[in-house]
PDB file of N, CA and C in Angstrom:
ATOM      1  N   UNK A   1      -3.510  12.163  -2.625  1.00  0.00           N
ATOM      2  CA  UNK A   1      -4.446  11.671  -3.475  1.00  0.00           C
ATOM      3  C   UNK A   1      -3.738  10.213  -3.712  1.00  0.00           C
ATOM      4  N   UNK A   2      -4.723   9.299  -3.791  1.00  0.00           N
ATOM      5  CA  UNK A   2      -4.435   7.875  -3.974  1.00  0.00           C
ATOM      6  C   UNK A   2      -3.982   7.704  -5.266  1.00  0.00           C
ATOM      7  N   UNK A   3      -2.977   6.938  -5.721  1.00  0.00           N
ATOM      8  CA  UNK A   3      -2.474   6.538  -6.998  1.00  0.00           C
ATOM      9  C   UNK A   3      -2.569   5.083  -7.332  1.00  0.00           C
ATOM     10  N   UNK A   4      -2.404   4.721  -8.570  1.00  0.00           N
ATOM     11  CA  UNK A   4      -2.434   3.308  -9.155  1.00  0.00           C
ATOM     12  C   UNK A   4      -1.093   3.027  -9.686  1.00  0.00           C
ATOM     13  N   UNK A   5      -0.286   2.229  -9.221  1.00  0.00           N
ATOM     14  CA  UNK A   5       0.945   2.025  -9.462  1.00  0.00           C
ATOM     15  C   UNK A   5       1.017   0.521 -10.553  1.00  0.00           C
ATOM     16  N   UNK A   6       1.827   0.365 -11.567  1.00  0.00           N
ATOM     17  CA  UNK A   6       1.940  -0.862 -12.301  1.00  0.00           C
ATOM     18  C   UNK A   6       3.353  -1.630 -11.664  1.00  0.00           C
ATOM     19  N   UNK A   7       3.347  -2.751 -11.445  1.00  0.00           N
ATOM     20  CA  UNK A   7       4.581  -3.331 -11.039  1.00  0.00           C
ATOM     21  C   UNK A   7       5.543  -3.824 -12.151  1.00  0.00           C
ATOM     22  N   UNK A   8       6.730  -3.841 -11.755  1.00  0.00           N
ATOM     23  CA  UNK A   8       7.870  -4.454 -12.514  1.00  0.00           C
ATOM     24  C   UNK A   8       7.834  -5.873 -12.520  1.00  0.00           C
ATOM     25  N   UNK A   9       8.192  -6.428 -13.586  1.00  0.00           N
ATOM     26  CA  UNK A   9       8.285  -8.101 -13.272  1.00  0.00           C
ATOM     27  C   UNK A   9       9.425  -8.287 -12.200  1.00  0.00           C
ATOM     28  N   UNK A  10       8.825  -9.116 -11.383  1.00  0.00           N
ATOM     29  CA  UNK A  10       9.545  -9.766 -10.149  1.00  0.00           C
ATOM     30  C   UNK A  10       9.641  -9.015  -8.868  1.00  0.00           C
ATOM     31  N   UNK A  11       8.835  -7.707  -8.910  1.00  0.00           N
ATOM     32  CA  UNK A  11       8.452  -6.994  -7.960  1.00  0.00           C
ATOM     33  C   UNK A  11       7.674  -7.623  -6.937  1.00  0.00           C
ATOM     34  N   UNK A  12       8.020  -7.509  -5.437  1.00  0.00           N
ATOM     35  CA  UNK A  12       7.230  -7.941  -4.210  1.00  0.00           C
ATOM     36  C   UNK A  12       6.525  -6.929  -3.644  1.00  0.00           C
ATOM     37  N   UNK A  13       5.543  -7.029  -2.658  1.00  0.00           N
ATOM     38  CA  UNK A  13       4.762  -6.031  -2.261  1.00  0.00           C
ATOM     39  C   UNK A  13       5.464  -5.251  -1.306  1.00  0.00           C
ATOM     40  N   UNK A  14       6.325  -5.755  -0.249  1.00  0.00           N
ATOM     41  CA  UNK A  14       7.026  -4.944   0.602  1.00  0.00           C
ATOM     42  C   UNK A  14       7.851  -3.959   0.067  1.00  0.00           C
ATOM     43  N   UNK A  15       8.666  -4.201  -1.092  1.00  0.00           N
ATOM     44  CA  UNK A  15       9.569  -3.245  -1.869  1.00  0.00           C
ATOM     45  C   UNK A  15       8.711  -2.328  -2.612  1.00  0.00           C
ATOM     46  N   UNK A  16       7.579  -2.684  -3.238  1.00  0.00           N
ATOM     47  CA  UNK A  16       6.767  -1.702  -3.730  1.00  0.00           C
ATOM     48  C   UNK A  16       6.194  -0.500  -2.636  1.00  0.00           C
ATOM     49  N   UNK A  17       5.765  -1.132  -1.626  1.00  0.00           N
ATOM     50  CA  UNK A  17       5.180  -0.046  -0.524  1.00  0.00           C
ATOM     51  C   UNK A  17       6.528   0.690  -0.003  1.00  0.00           C
ATOM     52  N   UNK A  18       7.431  -0.040   0.470  1.00  0.00           N
ATOM     53  CA  UNK A  18       8.816   0.814   0.788  1.00  0.00           C
ATOM     54  C   UNK A  18       9.331   1.913  -0.287  1.00  0.00           C
ATOM     55  N   UNK A  19       8.931   1.645  -1.595  1.00  0.00           N
ATOM     56  CA  UNK A  19       9.711   2.519  -2.556  1.00  0.00           C
ATOM     57  C   UNK A  19       8.519   3.573  -2.641  1.00  0.00           C
ATOM     58  N   UNK A  20       7.241   3.445  -2.686  1.00  0.00           N
ATOM     59  CA  UNK A  20       5.980   4.487  -2.725  1.00  0.00           C
ATOM     60  C   UNK A  20       6.084   5.230  -1.669  1.00  0.00           C
ATOM     61  N   UNK A  21       6.091   4.658  -0.306  1.00  0.00           N
ATOM     62  CA  UNK A  21       5.831   5.339   0.929  1.00  0.00           C
ATOM     63  C   UNK A  21       6.998   5.728   1.480  1.00  0.00           C
ATOM     64  N   UNK A  22       8.198   5.317   1.524  1.00  0.00           N
ATOM     65  CA  UNK A  22       9.375   5.311   2.204  1.00  0.00           C
ATOM     66  C   UNK A  22       9.470   4.899   3.510  1.00  0.00           C
ATOM     67  N   UNK A  23       8.359   4.005   3.824  1.00  0.00           N
ATOM     68  CA  UNK A  23       8.366   3.156   5.106  1.00  0.00           C
ATOM     69  C   UNK A  23       7.359   2.101   5.001  1.00  0.00           C
ATOM     70  N   UNK A  24       7.270   1.149   5.828  1.00  0.00           N
ATOM     71  CA  UNK A  24       6.392   0.161   5.732  1.00  0.00           C
ATOM     72  C   UNK A  24       5.332   0.060   7.027  1.00  0.00           C
ATOM     73  N   UNK A  25       5.387   1.446   7.845  1.00  0.00           N
ATOM     74  CA  UNK A  25       4.415   1.184   8.810  1.00  0.00           C
ATOM     75  C   UNK A  25       2.968   1.197   8.396  1.00  0.00           C
ATOM     76  N   UNK A  26       2.588   0.215   8.517  1.00  0.00           N
ATOM     77  CA  UNK A  26       1.042  -0.066   8.198  1.00  0.00           C
ATOM     78  C   UNK A  26       0.817  -0.023   6.700  1.00  0.00           C
ATOM     79  N   UNK A  27       1.779   0.501   5.805  1.00  0.00           N
ATOM     80  CA  UNK A  27       1.665   0.394   4.307  1.00  0.00           C
ATOM     81  C   UNK A  27       1.105  -0.852   3.813  1.00  0.00           C
ATOM     82  N   UNK A  28       1.847  -2.074   4.116  1.00  0.00           N
ATOM     83  CA  UNK A  28       1.322  -3.274   3.577  1.00  0.00           C
ATOM     84  C   UNK A  28      -0.059  -3.647   3.695  1.00  0.00           C
ATOM     85  N   UNK A  29      -0.527  -3.597   5.143  1.00  0.00           N
ATOM     86  CA  UNK A  29      -1.866  -3.694   5.469  1.00  0.00           C
ATOM     87  C   UNK A  29      -2.959  -2.852   4.779  1.00  0.00           C
ATOM     88  N   UNK A  30      -2.364  -1.518   4.636  1.00  0.00           N
ATOM     89  CA  UNK A  30      -3.472  -0.612   4.085  1.00  0.00           C
ATOM     90  C   UNK A  30      -3.756  -0.902   2.352  1.00  0.00           C
ATOM     91  N   UNK A  31      -2.490  -1.507   1.939  1.00  0.00           N
ATOM     92  CA  UNK A  31      -2.668  -1.598   0.371  1.00  0.00           C
ATOM     93  C   UNK A  31      -3.362  -3.046   0.307  1.00  0.00           C
ATOM     94  N   UNK A  32      -3.227  -3.959   0.801  1.00  0.00           N
ATOM     95  CA  UNK A  32      -3.846  -5.254   0.935  1.00  0.00           C
ATOM     96  C   UNK A  32      -5.427  -4.879   1.204  1.00  0.00           C
ATOM     97  N   UNK A  33      -5.689  -4.189   2.060  1.00  0.00           N
ATOM     98  CA  UNK A  33      -7.208  -3.931   2.374  1.00  0.00           C
ATOM     99  C   UNK A  33      -7.732  -3.035   1.254  1.00  0.00           C
ATOM    100  N   UNK A  34      -6.976  -2.235   0.310  1.00  0.00           N
ATOM    101  CA  UNK A  34      -7.459  -1.461  -0.770  1.00  0.00           C
ATOM    102  C   UNK A  34      -7.289  -2.218  -2.013  1.00  0.00           C
ATOM    103  N   UNK A  35      -6.810  -3.369  -1.999  1.00  0.00           N
ATOM    104  CA  UNK A  35      -6.692  -3.992  -3.245  1.00  0.00           C
ATOM    105  C   UNK A  35      -7.146  -5.562  -3.195  1.00  0.00           C
ATOM    106  N   UNK A  36      -8.546  -5.570  -3.270  1.00  0.00           N
ATOM    107  CA  UNK A  36      -9.109  -7.072  -3.134  1.00  0.00           C
ATOM    108  C   UNK A  36      -8.369  -8.136  -3.888  1.00  0.00           C
ATOM    109  N   UNK A  37      -8.163  -9.229  -3.166  1.00  0.00           N
ATOM    110  CA  UNK A  37      -7.537 -10.242  -4.182  1.00  0.00           C
ATOM    111  C   UNK A  37      -5.862 -10.126  -4.331  1.00  0.00           C
ATOM    112  N   UNK A  38      -5.326  -9.037  -3.946  1.00  0.00           N
ATOM    113  CA  UNK A  38      -3.925  -9.043  -4.096  1.00  0.00           C
ATOM    114  C   UNK A  38      -3.198  -9.970  -3.237  1.00  0.00           C
ATOM    115  N   UNK A  39      -3.720 -10.405  -2.151  1.00  0.00           N
ATOM    116  CA  UNK A  39      -3.051 -11.239  -1.088  1.00  0.00           C
ATOM    117  C   UNK A  39      -2.939 -12.476  -1.807  1.00  0.00           C
ATOM    118  N   UNK A  40      -3.897 -12.903  -2.827  1.00  0.00           N
ATOM    119  CA  UNK A  40      -3.683 -14.148  -3.416  1.00  0.00           C
ATOM    120  C   UNK A  40      -2.639 -14.291  -4.605  1.00  0.00           C
ATOM    121  N   UNK A  41      -2.449 -13.114  -4.914  1.00  0.00           N
ATOM    122  CA  UNK A  41      -1.190 -13.062  -6.143  1.00  0.00           C
ATOM    123  C   UNK A  41       0.047 -13.553  -5.831  1.00  0.00           C
ATOM    124  N   UNK A  42       0.664 -14.262  -6.556  1.00  0.00           N
ATOM    125  CA  UNK A  42       1.890 -14.993  -6.285  1.00  0.00           C
ATOM    126  C   UNK A  42       2.965 -14.129  -6.513  1.00  0.00           C
ATOM    127  N   UNK A  43       3.821 -13.950  -5.442  1.00  0.00           N
ATOM    128  CA  UNK A  43       5.164 -12.998  -5.492  1.00  0.00           C
ATOM    129  C   UNK A  43       6.326 -13.722  -5.796  1.00  0.00           C
ATOM    130  N   UNK A  44       7.312 -13.374  -6.340  1.00  0.00           N
ATOM    131  CA  UNK A  44       7.325 -11.855  -6.957  1.00  0.00           C
ATOM    132  C   UNK A  44       6.011 -11.821  -8.061  1.00  0.00           C
ATOM    133  N   UNK A  45       5.672 -10.476  -8.378  1.00  0.00           N
ATOM    134  CA  UNK A  45       4.546 -10.151  -9.196  1.00  0.00           C
ATOM    135  C   UNK A  45       5.011 -10.316 -10.585  1.00  0.00           C
ATOM    136  N   UNK A  46       4.039 -10.504 -11.412  1.00  0.00           N
ATOM    137  CA  UNK A  46       4.330 -10.285 -12.855  1.00  0.00           C
ATOM    138  C   UNK A  46       4.343  -8.823 -13.428  1.00  0.00           C
ATOM    139  N   UNK A  47       4.762  -8.493 -14.382  1.00  0.00           N
ATOM    140  CA  UNK A  47       4.646  -6.978 -14.874  1.00  0.00           C
ATOM    141  C   UNK A  47       3.394  -6.490 -14.991  1.00  0.00           C
ATOM    142  N   UNK A  48       3.263  -5.204 -14.793  1.00  0.00           N
ATOM    143  CA  UNK A  48       1.928  -4.519 -14.998  1.00  0.00           C
ATOM    144  C   UNK A  48       0.654  -4.845 -14.077  1.00  0.00           C
ATOM    145  N   UNK A  49       1.096  -5.492 -13.084  1.00  0.00           N
ATOM    146  CA  UNK A  49      -0.039  -5.872 -12.047  1.00  0.00           C
ATOM    147  C   UNK A  49      -0.479  -4.417 -11.461  1.00  0.00           C
ATOM    148  N   UNK A  50      -1.428  -4.000 -11.545  1.00  0.00           N
ATOM    149  CA  UNK A  50      -1.978  -2.726 -11.041  1.00  0.00           C
ATOM    150  C   UNK A  50      -2.247  -2.699  -9.556  1.00  0.00           C
ATOM    151  N   UNK A  51      -1.699  -1.805  -8.830  1.00  0.00           N
ATOM    152  CA  UNK A  51      -2.128  -1.745  -7.382  1.00  0.00           C
ATOM    153  C   UNK A  51      -2.465  -0.358  -6.811  1.00  0.00           C
ATOM    154  N   UNK A  52      -3.462  -0.479  -6.192  1.00  0.00           N
ATOM    155  CA  UNK A  52      -4.073   0.984  -5.861  1.00  0.00           C
ATOM    156  C   UNK A  52      -3.246   1.270  -4.464  1.00  0.00           C
ATOM    157  N   UNK A  53      -2.633   2.561  -4.507  1.00  0.00           N
ATOM    158  CA  UNK A  53      -1.776   3.028  -3.349  1.00  0.00           C
ATOM    159  C   UNK A  53      -2.730   4.020  -2.784  1.00  0.00           C
ATOM    160  N   UNK A  54      -3.032   3.785  -1.633  1.00  0.00           N
ATOM    161  CA  UNK A  54      -3.631   4.730  -0.683  1.00  0.00           C
ATOM    162  C   UNK A  54      -2.761   5.765  -0.134  1.00  0.00           C
ATOM    163  N   UNK A  55      -3.273   7.035   0.190  1.00  0.00           N
ATOM    164  CA  UNK A  55      -2.777   8.054   0.891  1.00  0.00           C
ATOM    165  C   UNK A  55      -2.557   7.679   2.273  1.00  0.00           C
ATOM    166  N   UNK A  56      -1.200   7.540   2.850  1.00  0.00           N
ATOM    167  CA  UNK A  56      -0.934   7.276   4.281  1.00  0.00           C
ATOM    168  C   UNK A  56      -0.328   8.353   4.848  1.00  0.00           C
ATOM    169  N   UNK A  57      -0.654   8.990   6.116  1.00  0.00           N
ATOM    170  CA  UNK A  57       0.004  10.139   6.583  1.00  0.00           C
ATOM    171  C   UNK A  57       0.449   9.630   8.129  1.00  0.00           C
ATOM    172  N   UNK A  58       1.804   9.741   8.231  1.00  0.00           N
ATOM    173  CA  UNK A  58       2.237   9.253   9.659  1.00  0.00           C
ATOM    174  C   UNK A  58       2.363  10.514  10.229  1.00  0.00           C
ATOM    175  N   UNK A  59       1.818  10.228  11.510  1.00  0.00           N
ATOM    176  CA  UNK A  59       1.804  11.366  12.471  1.00  0.00           C
ATOM    177  C   UNK A  59       2.753  11.429  13.408  1.00  0.00           C
ATOM    178  N   UNK A  60       3.072  10.115  13.978  1.00  0.00           N
ATOM    179  CA  UNK A  60       4.164   9.942  15.011  1.00  0.00           C
ATOM    180  C   UNK A  60       4.470   8.678  15.056  1.00  0.00           C
ATOM    181  N   UNK A  61       5.666   8.431  15.960  1.00  0.00           N
ATOM    182  CA  UNK A  61       5.864   7.018  16.311  1.00  0.00           C
ATOM    183  C   UNK A  61       4.688   6.138  16.927  1.00  0.00           C
ATOM    184  N   UNK A  62       3.867   6.735  17.362  1.00  0.00           N
ATOM    185  CA  UNK A  62       2.784   6.196  18.084  1.00  0.00           C
ATOM    186  C   UNK A  62       1.346   5.666  17.218  1.00  0.00           C
ATOM    187  N   UNK A  63       1.377   6.354  16.237  1.00  0.00           N
ATOM    188  CA  UNK A  63       0.243   5.902  15.393  1.00  0.00           C
ATOM    189  C   UNK A  63      -0.020   6.657  13.891  1.00  0.00           C
ATOM    190  N   UNK A  64      -0.737   6.349  13.124  1.00  0.00           N
ATOM    191  CA  UNK A  64      -1.161   6.630  11.772  1.00  0.00           C
ATOM    192  C   UNK A  64      -2.404   6.958  11.425  1.00  0.00           C
ATOM    193  N   UNK A  65      -2.668   8.081  10.643  1.00  0.00           N
ATOM    194  CA  UNK A  65      -3.902   8.282   9.991  1.00  0.00           C
ATOM    195  C   UNK A  65      -3.823   7.694   8.583  1.00  0.00           C
ATOM    196  N   UNK A  66      -5.079   7.146   8.224  1.00  0.00           N
ATOM    197  CA  UNK A  66      -5.168   6.792   6.968  1.00  0.00           C
ATOM    198  C   UNK A  66      -6.400   7.205   6.336  1.00  0.00           C
ATOM    199  N   UNK A  67      -6.351   7.965   5.159  1.00  0.00           N
ATOM    200  CA  UNK A  67      -7.433   8.564   4.520  1.00  0.00           C
ATOM    201  C   UNK A  67      -7.948   7.448   3.485  1.00  0.00           C
ATOM    202  N   UNK A  68      -9.045   7.106   3.431  1.00  0.00           N
ATOM    203  CA  UNK A  68      -9.709   6.163   2.340  1.00  0.00           C
ATOM    204  C   UNK A  68     -10.988   6.802   1.863  1.00  0.00           C
ATOM    205  N   UNK A  69     -10.922   7.257   0.563  1.00  0.00           N
ATOM    206  CA  UNK A  69     -12.290   7.819  -0.111  1.00  0.00           C
ATOM    207  C   UNK A  69     -12.721   8.625   0.731  1.00  0.00           C
ATOM    208  N   UNK A  70     -12.021   9.770   1.181  1.00  0.00           N
ATOM    209  CA  UNK A  70     -12.703  10.687   2.175  1.00  0.00           C
ATOM    210  C   UNK A  70     -12.891  10.450   3.630  1.00  0.00           C
ATOM    211  N   UNK A  71     -12.993   9.364   3.985  1.00  0.00           N
ATOM    212  CA  UNK A  71     -13.038   8.960   5.526  1.00  0.00           C
ATOM    213  C   UNK A  71     -11.697   8.673   6.167  1.00  0.00           C
ATOM    214  N   UNK A  72     -11.633   9.049   7.355  1.00  0.00           N
ATOM    215  CA  UNK A  72     -10.341   8.963   8.180  1.00  0.00           C
ATOM    216  C   UNK A  72     -10.442   7.624   8.947  1.00  0.00           C
ATOM    217  N   UNK A  73      -9.658   7.079   8.791  1.00  0.00           N
ATOM    218  CA  UNK A  73      -9.403   5.708   9.847  1.00  0.00           C
ATOM    219  C   UNK A  73      -8.128   5.889  10.416  1.00  0.00           C
ATOM    220  N   UNK A  74      -8.143   5.364  11.820  1.00  0.00           N
ATOM    221  CA  UNK A  74      -6.917   5.773  12.571  1.00  0.00           C
ATOM    222  C   UNK A  74      -6.457   4.438  12.922  1.00  0.00           C
ATOM    223  N   UNK A  75      -5.128   4.219  12.860  1.00  0.00           N
ATOM    224  CA  UNK A  75      -4.634   2.863  13.098  1.00  0.00           C
ATOM    225  C   UNK A  75      -3.577   3.328  14.356  1.00  0.00           C
ATOM    226  N   UNK A  76      -3.450   2.083  15.353  1.00  0.00           N
ATOM    227  CA  UNK A  76      -2.467   2.349  16.218  1.00  0.00           C
ATOM    228  C   UNK A  76      -1.339   1.346  16.011  1.00  0.00           C
TER     229      UNK A  76
END
């Protein structure tokens, strides 16, 4: 299930993704795709910026499955 996270002051996106997903394989791209305008936010982030974190399923070293609102998108 997708989750909304609130940033701490001074947090950066790659650290947020690493802490939430445990990896960065496609995570930053997926989070940027799911959060319109996030790419324009100055990093490090201010406190309490809400970021929608999608569910990512890593299948293998060769690819990843990404579920968005009930639809499956495959990234290689």
